[in-house]
Protein backbone atom coordinates (compact mmCIF):
# COMPACT_ATOMS: atom_id res chain seq x y z
CA UNK A 1 -98.81 -2.52 46.52
CA UNK A 2 -98.86 -4.59 43.30
CA UNK A 3 -95.81 -6.72 42.48
CA UNK A 4 -93.12 -5.25 40.23
CA UNK A 5 -93.31 -5.94 36.50
CA UNK A 6 -90.43 -8.22 35.43
CA UNK A 7 -87.87 -6.45 33.24
CA UNK A 8 -84.94 -7.68 31.18
CA UNK A 9 -81.64 -8.07 33.03
CA UNK A 10 -79.29 -5.12 32.45
CA UNK A 11 -76.46 -7.41 31.30
CA UNK A 12 -76.18 -7.34 27.52
CA UNK A 13 -77.24 -10.67 26.04
CA UNK A 14 -78.80 -12.06 29.22
CA UNK A 15 -82.26 -13.50 28.56
CA UNK A 16 -83.35 -13.53 32.20
CA UNK A 17 -85.87 -11.16 33.71
CA UNK A 18 -85.86 -9.60 37.15
CA UNK A 19 -88.03 -7.66 39.54
CA UNK A 20 -84.97 -6.57 41.59
CA UNK A 21 -84.62 -2.75 41.84
CA UNK A 22 -80.96 -3.04 40.74
CA UNK A 23 -82.08 -4.27 37.31
CA UNK A 24 -79.90 -7.40 37.44
CA UNK A 25 -81.11 -11.01 37.53
CA UNK A 26 -80.05 -13.38 40.31
CA UNK A 27 -76.98 -14.64 38.40
CA UNK A 28 -75.75 -11.09 37.65
CA UNK A 29 -76.52 -9.30 40.94
CA UNK A 30 -73.64 -7.01 41.88
CA UNK A 31 -72.43 -6.90 38.27
CA UNK A 32 -72.80 -3.11 38.02
CA UNK A 33 -70.27 -2.50 40.79
CA UNK A 34 -67.56 -4.61 39.13
CA UNK A 35 -66.90 -1.82 36.64
CA UNK A 36 -66.70 0.85 39.33
CA UNK A 37 -63.01 1.65 39.86
CA UNK A 38 -61.88 -1.97 39.90
CA UNK A 39 -58.86 -2.80 42.03
CA UNK A 40 -59.30 0.14 44.41
CA UNK A 41 -60.24 -0.12 48.05
CA UNK A 42 -62.95 2.09 49.52
CA UNK A 43 -60.21 4.17 51.14
CA UNK A 44 -58.53 4.71 47.75
CA UNK A 45 -61.90 5.77 46.30
CA UNK A 46 -62.29 8.38 49.08
CA UNK A 47 -64.65 6.50 51.41
CA UNK A 48 -62.42 5.85 54.43
CA UNK A 49 -62.56 6.98 58.04
CA UNK A 50 -63.23 10.63 57.15
CA UNK A 51 -66.23 9.56 55.04
CA UNK A 52 -67.63 7.46 57.91
CA UNK A 53 -67.64 10.57 60.14
CA UNK A 54 -69.38 12.63 57.41
CA UNK A 55 -71.87 9.80 56.78
CA UNK A 56 -72.90 9.60 60.43
CA UNK A 57 -73.32 13.40 60.58
CA UNK A 58 -75.59 13.45 57.49
CA UNK A 59 -77.70 10.51 58.70
CA UNK A 60 -78.16 12.33 62.02
CA UNK A 61 -78.99 15.62 60.25
CA UNK A 62 -81.66 13.88 58.16
CA UNK A 63 -83.03 11.99 61.21
CA UNK A 64 -82.01 8.70 59.58
CA UNK A 65 -84.80 9.01 56.99
CA UNK A 66 -84.69 8.59 53.21
CA UNK A 67 -85.02 12.06 51.73
CA UNK A 68 -86.36 10.73 48.41
CA UNK A 69 -89.23 8.97 50.19
CA UNK A 70 -89.82 12.02 52.42
CA UNK A 71 -90.45 14.12 49.28
CA UNK A 72 -93.28 11.68 48.48
CA UNK A 73 -94.65 11.79 52.03
CA UNK A 74 -93.40 8.32 52.94
CA UNK A 75 -91.30 7.62 56.03
CA UNK A 76 -88.54 5.07 55.34
CA UNK A 77 -85.25 4.48 57.14
CA UNK A 78 -82.11 5.59 55.30
CA UNK A 79 -79.02 3.40 55.10
CA UNK A 80 -76.87 5.32 52.60
CA UNK A 81 -75.52 8.83 52.21
CA UNK A 82 -75.58 9.98 48.60
CA UNK A 83 -73.81 12.77 46.70
CA UNK A 84 -76.54 14.86 45.03
CA UNK A 85 -73.99 15.86 42.37
CA UNK A 86 -71.79 12.76 42.01
CA UNK A 87 -68.09 13.07 42.81
CA UNK A 88 -67.38 11.76 39.30
CA UNK A 89 -69.19 14.84 37.93
CA UNK A 90 -67.44 17.35 40.18
CA UNK A 91 -69.53 16.99 43.35
CA UNK A 92 -67.94 17.45 46.76
CA UNK A 93 -68.35 16.05 50.25
CA UNK A 94 -69.93 19.32 51.40
CA UNK A 95 -73.00 18.79 53.59
CA UNK A 96 -75.12 20.72 51.08
CA UNK A 97 -74.26 18.11 48.42
CA UNK A 98 -75.19 15.11 50.58
CA UNK A 99 -78.51 13.44 51.37
CA UNK A 100 -79.64 10.33 53.23
CA UNK A 101 -81.29 7.65 51.07
CA UNK A 102 -82.52 4.11 51.52
CA UNK A 103 -80.60 1.43 49.64
CA UNK A 104 -83.16 1.08 46.84
CA UNK A 105 -83.34 4.85 46.17
CA UNK A 106 -79.53 5.07 46.23
CA UNK A 107 -79.15 2.13 43.81
CA UNK A 108 -81.76 3.62 41.45
CA UNK A 109 -80.16 7.08 41.48
CA UNK A 110 -76.65 5.68 41.01
CA UNK A 111 -77.83 3.49 38.13
CA UNK A 112 -79.42 6.47 36.37
CA UNK A 113 -76.23 8.50 36.75
CA UNK A 114 -74.17 5.89 34.93
CA UNK A 115 -71.51 5.92 37.68
CA UNK A 116 -68.49 6.76 35.51
């Protein structure tokens, strides 16, 4: 597979380029999550013990494989459980609204959604 084409960092005014799937350069990695409900714990955001049980069930249901890669005929291990319709847009924790994704697919999808 050819190397990724460097792109401008997603931080406004940053002149650095990156090949990281998150879109942030080394000095700004993790920047996108700072704006996501700052000051709240994962439990306050709805990702506590109950979520861990749901997460394990969905990973087991999907055989621990990234569903986005499976659609393309590629087998890759999943590490995240994603809301197909984001909770911020009215999605629920129903099994039908959840899918297993690898970290890079989850980060790409979340970035496209704007995570508001």
